[in-house]
Amino acid sequence: MTAFTAIDRYLETHLDDSLTELCQLAAQPSVAAQNWGMEECAALVANMLKNRGFKVDILPTGGPPVIFAERQGRSPKTLIFYNHYDVQPPEPYELWESPPFEPQIRDGKLYARGVSDDKGHIVSRLFAIDALLSEYGELPCTVKFIVEGEEEISSVHLPDFIRQNKERLSADACIWEFGSVDFREVPMQYTGMRGICYVELTVETAGIDVHSGLGGSIFPNAAWRLVWALNTIKGPDEQIRLPGHYDTIIPPSERDYELTEALPEVADDYKERFGVKYFLKGLQGGVDLRMAEVFEPTCTICGLTSGYQGPGSKTVLPARASAKLDFRLVPGQTPDQVLASLRKHLDQHGFEDVVVTYVGGEAPGRTDPDDPFTRLVVETAESVYGQPMQIVPIIGGSGPNHAFLEYLKLPIATAGVGYPGGQAHAPNENVRIDLYLKGAQHIARILTAFGEGR
């Protein structure tokens, strides 16, 4: 008999009930990019927290509301969970094997939009809380939740919300919105995230599209104009050409190299999983590939739009062209820095007519991988997964962790239910039910150890 025998038994015997609740949440659309179902989903999450005895407030922002919840525990030590209830748009619908907002269980997995990112994490944490309350009648520590509705659109209003509510959100540590095992089934601890600056570049060269036979040799072409502007931003050597773009970067430490070197080889897995034939800059694999993946800034063209894209031909000279770009930022870089240097660069190269629209962004953020709270989360995973978590010093993705680090001064750790085949942001998003159960078991252990002062 272990200290968690009763807790685990509760989780195993009530798993179907928790999955039913997850299905109810996943069936509610909450697409921030389309302002679809946001108020309804916020109310649903608030009720789920109220049902666990939390004091809940639905608080306004400049966008979808933030849900704040708190329940006192046996120990005054306070752990705050950060989650989000918004999801990615479900399109393209035709690639889904079952409708995205009609959850379906198949082959040990639950399929629905948002079930992995991030609704499965929300409900699994509530499931762990159910088990603790059932066994002890109280929580081992004070627990807070902050659940926002704009994470998928760069958490536009969250940093200001956190800055304005520092006292209400005060805590001793934070569990972030996600967590996962890797392709080896090893649980991973992610202690940092890159930042992001997302922009749209737009150029207009005429009032309307023009017959290409009339204007092709005498009118400016918006599509070519934009392509030429884009061509100045990054070279074939993959270097980003914005002025001073690399000057403020904080280089990785010896500890970063040490942790990254201990991680598994990913080259063959990436080639198989994503179908890529080769890596940039001649990288073959090994620690060099893993370091470049997360410790180098990027500039990605995420989409290009101009002219006619339908079947057959249409001889048209486009009047307007646009491109969406994201710049992934490493420690030492900020979105404001990128916006200023991008504008300066375009002007210097004669592209004053290219309009830069800031869509959203976040600065990078990192927790010390050797922080005591990080160690607690890493070590409590062992009894669930058969091994402690492996530490990843920083990941390529982005999120609003910088605001928690800057304003609340909290160590942030990850723990959750994800896995490499979860298809987050893609059709057929899913969560493995066995990992959903393990995620709840791990959260129960984290809360207990934290409340005991470990």
Protein backbone atom coordinates (compact mmCIF):
# COMPACT_ATOMS: atom_id res chain seq x y z
CA MET A 1 0.00 0.00 0.00
CA THR A 2 1.34 3.43 -0.95
CA ALA A 3 0.28 6.79 0.35
CA PHE A 4 -1.62 7.29 -2.90
CA THR A 5 -3.39 3.94 -3.14
CA ALA A 6 -6.77 5.43 -2.26
CA ILE A 7 -6.23 8.46 -4.48
CA ASP A 8 -5.29 6.31 -7.46
CA ARG A 9 -8.22 3.98 -6.83
CA TYR A 10 -10.59 6.96 -6.87
CA LEU A 11 -9.10 8.22 -10.15
CA GLU A 12 -9.33 4.80 -11.78
CA THR A 13 -12.93 4.16 -10.71
CA HIS A 14 -14.16 7.67 -11.58
CA LEU A 15 -12.31 8.00 -14.88
CA ASP A 16 -15.43 7.66 -17.03
CA ASP A 17 -17.17 10.43 -15.05
CA SER A 18 -14.24 12.77 -15.62
CA LEU A 19 -14.13 11.97 -19.33
CA THR A 20 -17.84 12.74 -19.55
CA GLU A 21 -17.15 16.15 -18.03
CA LEU A 22 -14.29 16.69 -20.46
CA CYS A 23 -16.60 15.82 -23.36
CA GLN A 24 -19.09 18.43 -22.15
CA LEU A 25 -16.39 21.09 -22.08
CA ALA A 26 -14.91 20.08 -25.44
CA ALA A 27 -18.37 20.11 -27.06
CA GLN A 28 -18.65 23.83 -26.29
CA PRO A 29 -16.93 25.80 -29.09
CA SER A 30 -14.60 28.53 -27.82
CA VAL A 31 -12.61 29.85 -30.77
CA ALA A 32 -11.00 33.14 -29.76
CA ALA A 33 -9.87 33.95 -33.30
CA GLN A 34 -13.52 33.88 -34.42
CA ASN A 35 -15.11 35.12 -31.16
CA TRP A 36 -17.18 31.93 -31.15
CA GLY A 37 -18.69 30.65 -27.92
CA MET A 38 -16.34 32.50 -25.58
CA GLU A 39 -18.82 33.76 -22.97
CA GLU A 40 -20.60 30.41 -22.87
CA CYS A 41 -17.37 28.49 -22.36
CA ALA A 42 -16.17 30.88 -19.65
CA ALA A 43 -19.42 30.31 -17.76
CA LEU A 44 -19.05 26.54 -18.14
CA VAL A 45 -15.51 26.54 -16.73
CA ALA A 46 -16.60 28.82 -13.88
CA ASN A 47 -19.37 26.39 -12.92
CA MET A 48 -16.97 23.45 -12.98
CA LEU A 49 -14.76 25.26 -10.47
CA LYS A 50 -17.72 26.31 -8.30
CA ASN A 51 -18.79 22.66 -8.13
CA ARG A 52 -15.44 21.94 -6.39
CA GLY A 53 -16.03 24.59 -3.74
CA PHE A 54 -13.91 27.29 -5.31
CA LYS A 55 -14.77 30.96 -4.93
CA VAL A 56 -15.01 32.04 -8.55
CA ASP A 57 -15.00 35.39 -10.33
CA ILE A 58 -15.49 35.95 -14.05
CA LEU A 59 -13.46 39.08 -14.67
CA PRO A 60 -13.62 41.35 -17.73
CA THR A 61 -10.69 42.16 -19.97
CA GLY A 62 -10.52 43.95 -23.30
CA GLY A 63 -11.42 40.58 -24.83
CA PRO A 64 -12.90 37.33 -23.51
CA PRO A 65 -13.17 37.21 -19.71
CA VAL A 66 -10.63 35.70 -17.35
CA ILE A 67 -11.85 33.18 -14.77
CA PHE A 68 -10.20 33.47 -11.36
CA ALA A 69 -10.88 30.83 -8.71
CA GLU A 70 -9.51 30.15 -5.23
CA ARG A 71 -10.00 27.49 -2.56
CA GLN A 72 -8.19 27.50 0.77
CA GLY A 73 -6.27 24.39 1.73
CA ARG A 74 -4.75 22.81 4.80
CA SER A 75 -1.49 24.65 4.19
CA PRO A 76 -1.39 28.37 3.38
CA LYS A 77 1.18 27.64 0.71
CA THR A 78 -0.43 28.56 -2.58
CA LEU A 79 -0.17 26.90 -5.96
CA ILE A 80 -1.72 28.62 -8.98
CA PHE A 81 -2.73 26.80 -12.14
CA TYR A 82 -2.63 28.69 -15.43
CA ASN A 83 -4.93 27.35 -18.15
CA HIS A 84 -6.91 28.66 -21.12
CA TYR A 85 -10.38 27.80 -22.37
CA ASP A 86 -10.00 29.10 -25.92
CA VAL A 87 -9.12 26.72 -28.75
CA GLN A 88 -7.76 26.91 -32.27
CA PRO A 89 -10.16 27.23 -35.23
CA PRO A 90 -11.30 23.76 -36.32
CA GLU A 91 -10.83 24.26 -40.07
CA PRO A 92 -10.36 22.40 -42.37
CA TYR A 93 -13.43 20.40 -41.36
CA GLU A 94 -13.04 17.84 -44.14
CA LEU A 95 -9.86 16.47 -42.55
CA TRP A 96 -11.59 15.53 -39.30
CA GLU A 97 -12.61 11.90 -38.90
CA SER A 98 -15.39 13.00 -36.53
CA PRO A 99 -16.87 16.50 -36.06
CA PRO A 100 -14.48 18.69 -34.02
CA PHE A 101 -17.07 19.72 -31.43
CA GLU A 102 -18.66 16.29 -31.09
CA PRO A 103 -16.21 14.43 -28.83
CA GLN A 104 -15.69 10.79 -29.67
CA ILE A 105 -13.65 8.01 -28.05
CA ARG A 106 -11.81 5.71 -30.45
CA ASP A 107 -9.00 3.26 -29.75
CA GLY A 108 -8.20 4.57 -26.29
CA LYS A 109 -8.20 8.23 -27.33
CA LEU A 110 -10.70 11.05 -26.98
CA TYR A 111 -11.01 13.21 -30.11
CA ALA A 112 -12.26 16.81 -30.22
CA ARG A 113 -10.96 20.30 -30.87
CA GLY A 114 -9.28 21.62 -27.72
CA VAL A 115 -9.27 18.28 -25.91
CA SER A 116 -5.47 18.38 -25.71
CA ASP A 117 -4.93 22.13 -25.91
CA ASP A 118 -6.11 22.97 -23.32
CA LYS A 119 -9.38 21.56 -22.03
CA GLY A 120 -8.00 18.11 -21.22
CA HIS A 121 -5.45 19.73 -18.93
CA ILE A 122 -8.13 21.80 -17.19
CA VAL A 123 -10.43 18.86 -16.45
CA SER A 124 -7.62 16.47 -15.48
CA ARG A 125 -6.51 18.96 -12.83
CA LEU A 126 -10.05 19.22 -11.52
CA PHE A 127 -10.16 15.41 -11.53
CA ALA A 128 -7.07 15.31 -9.27
CA ILE A 129 -8.73 17.83 -6.97
CA ASP A 130 -11.86 15.63 -6.82
CA ALA A 131 -9.73 12.69 -5.67
CA LEU A 132 -8.01 14.71 -2.95
CA LEU A 133 -11.30 16.14 -1.68
CA SER A 134 -12.89 12.70 -1.67
CA GLU A 135 -10.04 11.23 0.39
CA TYR A 136 -9.27 14.11 2.77
CA GLY A 137 -12.23 16.50 2.60
CA GLU A 138 -9.82 19.37 1.97
CA LEU A 139 -6.93 20.31 -0.28
CA PRO A 140 -3.36 19.93 0.97
CA CYS A 141 -2.55 23.54 0.00
CA THR A 142 -4.36 26.62 -1.18
CA VAL A 143 -5.13 26.38 -4.89
CA LYS A 144 -5.85 29.17 -7.35
CA PHE A 145 -6.81 28.98 -11.01
CA ILE A 146 -6.44 31.63 -13.68
CA VAL A 147 -8.12 30.50 -16.89
CA GLU A 148 -8.00 32.92 -19.80
CA GLY A 149 -9.66 33.00 -23.22
CA GLU A 150 -6.99 34.45 -25.51
CA GLU A 151 -3.99 32.15 -25.35
CA GLU A 152 -4.44 31.05 -28.95
CA ILE A 153 -4.30 34.68 -30.09
CA SER A 154 -1.19 35.64 -28.10
CA SER A 155 -2.87 36.39 -24.74
CA VAL A 156 -3.40 39.98 -25.83
CA HIS A 157 -4.86 41.28 -22.57
CA LEU A 158 -3.40 38.85 -20.03
CA PRO A 159 -0.13 40.66 -19.15
CA ASP A 160 -2.01 43.84 -18.20
CA PHE A 161 -4.54 41.75 -16.26
CA ILE A 162 -1.77 40.09 -14.27
CA ARG A 163 0.00 43.38 -13.62
CA GLN A 164 -3.25 44.94 -12.37
CA ASN A 165 -4.15 41.94 -10.16
CA LYS A 166 -0.81 41.00 -8.63
CA GLU A 167 -2.15 40.76 -5.08
CA ARG A 168 -5.14 38.60 -6.04
CA LEU A 169 -2.90 36.29 -8.09
CA SER A 170 -0.13 36.04 -5.51
CA ALA A 171 1.14 32.49 -5.02
CA ASP A 172 4.28 30.52 -4.23
CA ALA A 173 4.53 28.58 -7.49
CA CYS A 174 2.71 27.96 -10.76
CA ILE A 175 1.80 24.91 -12.81
CA TRP A 176 1.64 25.87 -16.47
CA GLU A 177 -1.13 25.00 -18.92
CA PHE A 178 0.52 21.96 -20.50
CA GLY A 179 2.81 19.00 -20.02
CA SER A 180 3.57 15.84 -21.93
CA VAL A 181 5.57 12.73 -22.50
CA ASP A 182 7.92 12.56 -25.47
CA PHE A 183 8.11 9.91 -28.20
CA ARG A 184 9.86 7.55 -25.75
CA GLU A 185 6.98 7.90 -23.23
CA VAL A 186 9.32 9.82 -20.92
CA PRO A 187 7.62 12.69 -19.01
CA MET A 188 9.21 16.02 -19.87
CA GLN A 189 9.68 19.14 -17.76
CA TYR A 190 9.77 22.32 -19.85
CA THR A 191 11.34 25.19 -17.93
CA GLY A 192 11.17 27.96 -20.52
CA MET A 193 9.45 29.25 -23.64
CA ARG A 194 10.58 31.37 -26.54
CA GLY A 195 8.81 34.64 -27.16
CA ILE A 196 6.94 35.66 -30.30
CA CYS A 197 6.18 38.73 -32.37
CA TYR A 198 3.39 38.09 -34.89
CA VAL A 199 2.80 40.63 -37.65
CA GLU A 200 0.93 41.07 -40.91
CA LEU A 201 2.61 42.88 -43.79
CA THR A 202 0.28 44.51 -46.31
CA VAL A 203 0.86 46.46 -49.51
CA GLU A 204 -1.66 48.05 -51.86
CA THR A 205 -0.62 49.29 -55.31
CA ALA A 206 -4.01 50.05 -56.89
CA GLY A 207 -7.62 50.60 -55.98
CA ILE A 208 -8.84 47.44 -57.71
CA ASP A 209 -7.38 44.32 -59.36
CA VAL A 210 -6.48 45.01 -63.00
CA HIS A 211 -6.47 42.92 -66.21
CA SER A 212 -2.88 41.69 -66.46
CA GLY A 213 -2.80 42.45 -70.18
CA LEU A 214 -3.63 46.08 -69.48
CA GLY A 215 -1.49 46.71 -66.41
CA GLY A 216 1.15 43.99 -66.41
CA SER A 217 3.86 46.11 -68.02
CA ILE A 218 2.96 49.55 -66.64
CA PHE A 219 1.24 49.13 -63.24
CA PRO A 220 2.94 48.04 -60.00
CA ASN A 221 2.04 44.52 -58.86
CA ALA A 222 1.25 44.21 -55.15
CA ALA A 223 2.28 40.57 -55.03
CA TRP A 224 5.74 41.23 -56.51
CA ARG A 225 6.13 44.28 -54.27
CA LEU A 226 5.49 42.17 -51.19
CA VAL A 227 7.72 39.32 -52.35
CA TRP A 228 10.60 41.74 -52.88
CA ALA A 229 10.06 43.22 -49.41
CA LEU A 230 10.01 39.75 -47.83
CA ASN A 231 13.18 38.83 -49.68
CA THR A 232 15.08 41.53 -47.78
CA ILE A 233 14.07 40.26 -44.32
CA LYS A 234 15.83 36.89 -44.35
CA GLY A 235 18.58 35.55 -46.57
CA PRO A 236 19.31 32.11 -48.02
CA ASP A 237 21.77 31.69 -45.15
CA GLU A 238 18.75 31.80 -42.78
CA GLN A 239 20.08 34.97 -41.12
CA ILE A 240 17.43 37.53 -40.19
CA ARG A 241 18.53 40.87 -41.61
CA LEU A 242 16.73 43.27 -39.28
CA PRO A 243 19.17 45.79 -37.79
CA GLY A 244 20.51 44.70 -34.40
CA HIS A 245 18.34 41.60 -34.33
CA TYR A 246 21.02 39.41 -32.73
CA ASP A 247 22.75 42.06 -30.62
CA THR A 248 20.76 41.64 -27.37
CA ILE A 249 20.53 37.84 -27.33
CA ILE A 250 21.55 36.18 -24.05
CA PRO A 251 23.58 33.12 -25.10
CA PRO A 252 22.72 29.69 -23.66
CA SER A 253 24.61 28.68 -20.53
CA GLU A 254 26.74 25.63 -19.87
CA ARG A 255 23.78 24.20 -17.95
CA ASP A 256 21.59 24.68 -21.02
CA TYR A 257 24.08 22.71 -23.11
CA GLU A 258 24.29 20.03 -20.42
CA LEU A 259 20.51 19.56 -20.24
CA THR A 260 20.10 19.65 -24.00
CA GLU A 261 22.89 17.15 -24.55
CA ALA A 262 21.10 14.72 -22.22
CA LEU A 263 17.94 14.83 -24.34
CA PRO A 264 17.27 12.09 -26.90
CA GLU A 265 18.07 12.28 -30.59
CA VAL A 266 15.13 13.73 -32.54
CA ALA A 267 16.35 13.86 -36.15
CA ASP A 268 14.89 10.56 -37.34
CA ASP A 269 11.67 11.08 -35.36
CA TYR A 270 11.14 14.52 -36.92
CA LYS A 271 11.80 13.24 -40.42
CA GLU A 272 9.34 10.39 -39.98
CA ARG A 273 6.67 12.36 -38.14
CA PHE A 274 6.73 15.53 -40.25
CA GLY A 275 7.99 14.22 -43.56
CA VAL A 276 10.91 16.66 -43.82
CA LYS A 277 13.83 15.55 -45.97
CA TYR A 278 16.59 17.63 -44.38
CA PHE A 279 17.29 20.32 -41.78
CA LEU A 280 18.43 23.89 -42.36
CA LYS A 281 22.05 25.02 -42.42
CA GLY A 282 23.31 21.49 -43.00
CA LEU A 283 22.34 20.28 -39.54
CA GLN A 284 22.23 16.50 -39.30
CA GLY A 285 21.14 15.88 -35.72
CA GLY A 286 22.69 15.65 -32.30
CA VAL A 287 22.99 18.43 -29.76
CA ASP A 288 23.62 21.03 -32.48
CA LEU A 289 20.19 20.39 -33.96
CA ARG A 290 18.49 20.42 -30.57
CA MET A 291 20.20 23.68 -29.56
CA ALA A 292 19.39 25.37 -32.85
CA GLU A 293 15.76 24.29 -32.56
CA VAL A 294 15.10 26.43 -29.49
CA PHE A 295 18.02 28.79 -28.87
CA GLU A 296 18.01 30.51 -32.27
CA PRO A 297 15.49 33.21 -33.26
CA THR A 298 13.28 32.60 -36.29
CA CYS A 299 11.34 34.46 -38.93
CA THR A 300 8.58 32.31 -40.44
CA ILE A 301 6.25 33.21 -43.29
CA CYS A 302 3.02 31.68 -41.98
CA GLY A 303 0.84 32.61 -44.94
CA LEU A 304 0.73 34.59 -48.21
CA THR A 305 -2.40 36.03 -49.80
CA SER A 306 -2.78 37.84 -53.11
CA GLY A 307 -4.66 37.71 -56.36
CA TYR A 308 -6.48 34.67 -57.68
CA GLN A 309 -6.03 31.26 -56.03
CA GLY A 310 -8.94 29.29 -57.50
CA PRO A 311 -8.95 26.54 -60.14
CA GLY A 312 -7.89 27.31 -63.68
CA SER A 313 -6.53 30.71 -64.70
CA LYS A 314 -7.52 34.30 -64.12
CA THR A 315 -5.28 36.90 -65.72
CA VAL A 316 -5.30 39.49 -63.00
CA LEU A 317 -2.77 41.95 -61.61
CA PRO A 318 -3.36 42.01 -57.83
CA ALA A 319 -4.01 45.35 -56.18
CA ARG A 320 -3.31 44.04 -52.69
CA ALA A 321 -1.00 41.48 -51.12
CA SER A 322 -0.45 40.41 -47.52
CA ALA A 323 1.74 38.04 -45.56
CA LYS A 324 1.59 36.86 -41.99
CA LEU A 325 4.93 36.38 -40.23
CA ASP A 326 5.98 35.21 -36.83
CA PHE A 327 9.31 35.94 -35.23
CA ARG A 328 10.19 33.48 -32.46
CA LEU A 329 12.30 35.26 -29.88
CA VAL A 330 15.03 33.93 -27.60
CA PRO A 331 16.11 35.33 -24.21
CA GLY A 332 17.18 38.94 -24.58
CA GLN A 333 14.74 39.80 -27.38
CA THR A 334 11.35 41.50 -27.11
CA PRO A 335 8.38 42.05 -29.47
CA ASP A 336 8.83 45.85 -29.24
CA GLN A 337 12.42 45.48 -30.41
CA VAL A 338 11.34 43.46 -33.45
CA LEU A 339 8.55 45.86 -34.38
CA ALA A 340 10.89 48.84 -34.29
CA SER A 341 13.68 47.15 -36.25
CA LEU A 342 11.25 45.71 -38.83
CA ARG A 343 9.82 49.14 -39.57
CA LYS A 344 13.29 50.63 -39.78
CA HIS A 345 14.50 47.87 -42.07
CA LEU A 346 11.61 48.18 -44.52
CA ASP A 347 12.00 51.94 -44.70
CA GLN A 348 15.73 51.68 -45.28
CA HIS A 349 15.12 49.31 -48.20
CA GLY A 350 12.55 51.53 -49.88
CA PHE A 351 9.43 49.76 -48.68
CA GLU A 352 7.79 52.60 -46.80
CA ASP A 353 4.49 51.58 -48.43
CA VAL A 354 4.48 48.16 -46.73
CA VAL A 355 2.17 48.44 -43.72
CA VAL A 356 3.15 46.50 -40.59
CA THR A 357 0.23 45.44 -38.38
CA TYR A 358 1.10 43.98 -34.99
CA VAL A 359 -1.13 40.96 -34.34
CA GLY A 360 0.29 39.92 -30.97
CA GLY A 361 3.37 38.85 -29.11
CA GLU A 362 5.06 37.79 -25.90
CA ALA A 363 8.56 38.04 -24.51
CA PRO A 364 10.54 34.87 -23.73
CA GLY A 365 10.43 33.52 -20.18
CA ARG A 366 12.40 30.93 -18.22
CA THR A 367 12.47 29.31 -14.76
CA ASP A 368 15.70 28.07 -13.23
CA PRO A 369 15.78 24.33 -14.08
CA ASP A 370 17.28 23.70 -10.63
CA ASP A 371 14.60 25.61 -8.70
CA PRO A 372 13.25 23.58 -5.73
CA PHE A 373 9.72 23.65 -7.17
CA THR A 374 10.97 22.31 -10.47
CA ARG A 375 12.68 19.48 -8.62
CA LEU A 376 9.47 18.71 -6.69
CA VAL A 377 7.44 18.38 -9.90
CA VAL A 378 10.20 16.33 -11.56
CA GLU A 379 10.53 13.91 -8.66
CA THR A 380 6.80 13.38 -7.99
CA ALA A 381 6.40 12.08 -11.54
CA GLU A 382 8.46 8.97 -10.82
CA SER A 383 5.77 6.98 -8.99
CA VAL A 384 3.33 7.64 -11.86
CA TYR A 385 5.51 7.22 -14.94
CA GLY A 386 8.15 4.90 -13.54
CA GLN A 387 10.84 7.57 -13.86
CA PRO A 388 11.33 11.24 -12.99
CA MET A 389 10.74 13.89 -15.61
CA GLN A 390 13.57 14.87 -17.95
CA ILE A 391 14.28 18.60 -18.01
CA VAL A 392 14.11 20.61 -21.23
CA PRO A 393 15.63 24.08 -20.66
CA ILE A 394 13.44 25.88 -23.22
CA ILE A 395 10.96 24.93 -25.94
CA GLY A 396 10.34 26.47 -29.34
CA GLY A 397 6.74 27.51 -28.65
CA SER A 398 5.54 30.64 -26.90
CA GLY A 399 3.10 31.64 -24.19
CA PRO A 400 2.47 34.35 -21.58
CA ASN A 401 4.81 32.85 -18.96
CA HIS A 402 6.92 36.03 -19.02
CA ALA A 403 4.10 37.96 -17.35
CA PHE A 404 3.93 35.42 -14.49
CA LEU A 405 7.69 35.56 -14.07
CA GLU A 406 7.96 39.34 -14.24
CA TYR A 407 4.91 40.44 -12.24
CA LEU A 408 4.27 37.52 -9.87
CA LYS A 409 7.89 36.33 -9.47
CA LEU A 410 6.83 32.67 -9.56
CA PRO A 411 8.72 29.54 -10.50
CA ILE A 412 6.77 27.81 -13.28
CA ALA A 413 6.70 24.06 -13.91
CA THR A 414 4.82 21.95 -16.43
CA ALA A 415 2.76 18.80 -15.87
CA GLY A 416 0.01 17.46 -18.07
CA VAL A 417 -1.61 14.99 -20.41
CA GLY A 418 -0.02 15.62 -23.82
CA TYR A 419 1.93 13.36 -26.14
CA PRO A 420 3.53 13.82 -29.59
CA GLY A 421 0.50 12.44 -31.47
CA GLY A 422 -2.02 14.75 -29.81
CA GLN A 423 -2.51 16.79 -33.01
CA ALA A 424 -2.90 20.08 -31.13
CA HIS A 425 -3.87 22.87 -33.58
CA ALA A 426 -4.52 20.24 -36.28
CA PRO A 427 -7.48 18.10 -37.37
CA ASN A 428 -8.20 15.04 -35.20
CA GLU A 429 -6.82 16.60 -32.02
CA ASN A 430 -6.88 13.99 -29.29
CA VAL A 431 -5.79 12.96 -25.82
CA ARG A 432 -4.75 9.45 -24.82
CA ILE A 433 -6.95 8.24 -21.98
CA ASP A 434 -4.08 6.42 -20.24
CA LEU A 435 -2.06 9.65 -20.15
CA TYR A 436 -5.10 11.61 -19.01
CA LEU A 437 -5.28 9.34 -15.98
CA LYS A 438 -1.54 9.61 -15.32
CA GLY A 439 -1.72 13.39 -15.61
CA ALA A 440 -4.34 13.52 -12.85
CA GLN A 441 -2.30 11.15 -10.68
CA HIS A 442 0.75 13.38 -11.05
CA ILE A 443 -1.17 16.55 -10.17
CA ALA A 444 -2.50 14.88 -7.01
CA ARG A 445 1.07 14.07 -5.97
CA ILE A 446 2.32 17.58 -6.76
CA LEU A 447 -0.41 19.20 -4.64
CA THR A 448 0.23 16.82 -1.75
CA ALA A 449 4.03 17.26 -1.74
CA PHE A 450 3.67 21.02 -2.12
CA GLY A 451 1.26 21.25 0.79
CA GLU A 452 3.67 19.20 2.94
CA GLY A 453 6.40 21.74 2.26
CA ARG A 454 8.61 19.45 0.23
